[in-house]
Amino acid sequence: MQPPRFILPDANTPQRLRQFERTEQATDFMRGAVCGAIIALTPVIGALALWRLL
């Protein structure tokens, strides 16, 4: 006796792939913004630390 077979819906429909792409773009944008903020603040923090030592 064979077990019942279930047919699952296709997970990679065009709508779902577009949603994944939008989510990935939003994630990439946020990562870029955070990295840019860190890069911009690093010299400022270094200058403040150096100024405090003088």
N, C-alpha and C. Protein backbone atom coordinates (compact mmCIF):
# COMPACT_ATOMS: atom_id res chain seq x y z
N MET A 1 0.84 -1.18 0.00
CA MET A 1 0.00 0.00 0.00
C MET A 1 0.89 1.25 0.00
N GLN A 2 0.62 2.16 -0.89
CA GLN A 2 1.44 3.37 -1.00
C GLN A 2 0.83 4.50 -0.18
N PRO A 3 1.70 5.34 0.40
CA PRO A 3 1.18 6.50 1.14
C PRO A 3 0.57 7.51 0.16
N PRO A 4 -0.31 8.36 0.64
CA PRO A 4 -0.89 9.36 -0.26
C PRO A 4 0.18 10.35 -0.73
N ARG A 5 0.02 10.82 -1.93
CA ARG A 5 0.97 11.79 -2.49
C ARG A 5 0.35 13.17 -2.45
N PHE A 6 1.14 14.10 -1.95
CA PHE A 6 0.67 15.48 -1.87
C PHE A 6 1.40 16.30 -2.91
N ILE A 7 0.68 17.11 -3.61
CA ILE A 7 1.28 18.00 -4.60
C ILE A 7 1.35 19.38 -3.98
N LEU A 8 2.56 19.83 -3.76
CA LEU A 8 2.77 21.14 -3.15
C LEU A 8 2.73 22.23 -4.23
N PRO A 9 2.23 23.40 -3.89
CA PRO A 9 2.25 24.49 -4.87
C PRO A 9 3.68 24.93 -5.14
N ASP A 10 3.91 25.43 -6.33
CA ASP A 10 5.24 25.89 -6.72
C ASP A 10 5.62 27.11 -5.89
N ALA A 11 6.74 27.02 -5.19
CA ALA A 11 7.17 28.11 -4.31
C ALA A 11 7.83 29.24 -5.10
N ASN A 12 8.25 28.97 -6.31
CA ASN A 12 8.98 29.98 -7.09
C ASN A 12 8.11 30.58 -8.19
N THR A 13 6.96 31.06 -7.82
CA THR A 13 6.10 31.73 -8.79
C THR A 13 6.72 33.09 -9.12
N PRO A 14 6.38 33.67 -10.25
CA PRO A 14 6.94 34.99 -10.60
C PRO A 14 6.67 36.06 -9.54
N GLN A 15 5.48 36.02 -8.94
CA GLN A 15 5.17 37.02 -7.91
C GLN A 15 6.09 36.84 -6.70
N ARG A 16 6.29 35.60 -6.32
CA ARG A 16 7.14 35.32 -5.16
C ARG A 16 8.59 35.72 -5.44
N LEU A 17 9.06 35.44 -6.65
CA LEU A 17 10.43 35.81 -7.01
C LEU A 17 10.60 37.33 -7.00
N ARG A 18 9.59 38.07 -7.48
CA ARG A 18 9.66 39.54 -7.42
C ARG A 18 9.69 40.03 -5.98
N GLN A 19 8.91 39.38 -5.12
CA GLN A 19 8.90 39.75 -3.70
C GLN A 19 10.27 39.49 -3.08
N PHE A 20 10.88 38.35 -3.40
CA PHE A 20 12.22 38.06 -2.89
C PHE A 20 13.22 39.10 -3.37
N GLU A 21 13.10 39.50 -4.65
CA GLU A 21 14.02 40.48 -5.20
C GLU A 21 13.87 41.84 -4.50
N ARG A 22 12.62 42.26 -4.26
CA ARG A 22 12.39 43.53 -3.56
C ARG A 22 12.94 43.47 -2.13
N THR A 23 12.73 42.35 -1.47
CA THR A 23 13.24 42.20 -0.10
C THR A 23 14.76 42.25 -0.09
N GLU A 24 15.38 41.59 -1.06
CA GLU A 24 16.84 41.59 -1.14
C GLU A 24 17.37 43.00 -1.42
N GLN A 25 16.69 43.74 -2.30
CA GLN A 25 17.12 45.11 -2.59
C GLN A 25 17.00 46.00 -1.35
N ALA A 26 15.92 45.84 -0.60
CA ALA A 26 15.75 46.63 0.62
C ALA A 26 16.82 46.28 1.65
N THR A 27 17.14 45.00 1.76
CA THR A 27 18.19 44.58 2.69
C THR A 27 19.54 45.14 2.27
N ASP A 28 19.84 45.07 0.98
CA ASP A 28 21.11 45.62 0.48
C ASP A 28 21.19 47.12 0.74
N PHE A 29 20.08 47.84 0.54
CA PHE A 29 20.07 49.28 0.79
C PHE A 29 20.36 49.58 2.25
N MET A 30 19.72 48.84 3.16
CA MET A 30 19.92 49.08 4.59
C MET A 30 21.36 48.76 4.99
N ARG A 31 21.91 47.68 4.47
CA ARG A 31 23.31 47.34 4.76
C ARG A 31 24.24 48.44 4.27
N GLY A 32 23.98 48.95 3.08
CA GLY A 32 24.79 50.03 2.54
C GLY A 32 24.69 51.29 3.37
N ALA A 33 23.48 51.60 3.84
CA ALA A 33 23.29 52.80 4.67
C ALA A 33 24.03 52.66 6.00
N VAL A 34 23.95 51.50 6.60
CA VAL A 34 24.63 51.28 7.89
C VAL A 34 26.14 51.34 7.69
N CYS A 35 26.65 50.70 6.66
CA CYS A 35 28.10 50.75 6.40
C CYS A 35 28.55 52.17 6.09
N GLY A 36 27.76 52.91 5.34
CA GLY A 36 28.11 54.30 5.04
C GLY A 36 28.14 55.15 6.29
N ALA A 37 27.19 54.94 7.19
CA ALA A 37 27.17 55.70 8.44
C ALA A 37 28.39 55.36 9.29
N ILE A 38 28.76 54.10 9.34
CA ILE A 38 29.94 53.70 10.12
C ILE A 38 31.19 54.32 9.52
N ILE A 39 31.31 54.28 8.20
CA ILE A 39 32.48 54.86 7.54
C ILE A 39 32.54 56.36 7.77
N ALA A 40 31.39 57.03 7.74
CA ALA A 40 31.37 58.48 7.93
C ALA A 40 31.67 58.87 9.38
N LEU A 41 31.23 58.07 10.33
CA LEU A 41 31.42 58.41 11.74
C LEU A 41 32.80 58.04 12.28
N THR A 42 33.48 57.10 11.66
CA THR A 42 34.78 56.66 12.17
C THR A 42 35.79 57.81 12.27
N PRO A 43 36.00 58.63 11.23
CA PRO A 43 36.96 59.73 11.38
C PRO A 43 36.50 60.77 12.40
N VAL A 44 35.20 60.98 12.50
CA VAL A 44 34.69 61.95 13.48
C VAL A 44 35.00 61.48 14.89
N ILE A 45 34.74 60.21 15.17
CA ILE A 45 35.03 59.67 16.50
C ILE A 45 36.53 59.70 16.77
N GLY A 46 37.33 59.37 15.76
CA GLY A 46 38.79 59.43 15.92
C GLY A 46 39.27 60.84 16.19
N ALA A 47 38.72 61.82 15.49
CA ALA A 47 39.12 63.21 15.70
C ALA A 47 38.72 63.69 17.10
N LEU A 48 37.54 63.32 17.55
CA LEU A 48 37.12 63.70 18.90
C LEU A 48 38.00 63.06 19.96
N ALA A 49 38.38 61.81 19.76
CA ALA A 49 39.25 61.13 20.72
C ALA A 49 40.63 61.79 20.73
N LEU A 50 41.14 62.13 19.56
CA LEU A 50 42.45 62.78 19.48
C LEU A 50 42.39 64.17 20.10
N TRP A 51 41.33 64.91 19.85
CA TRP A 51 41.17 66.25 20.42
C TRP A 51 41.11 66.19 21.94
N ARG A 52 40.48 65.16 22.47
CA ARG A 52 40.37 65.03 23.92
C ARG A 52 41.73 64.72 24.56
N LEU A 53 42.59 64.00 23.83
CA LEU A 53 43.91 63.67 24.37
C LEU A 53 44.83 64.88 24.39
N LEU A 54 44.59 65.87 23.55
CA LEU A 54 45.48 67.04 23.49
C LEU A 54 45.29 67.98 24.64
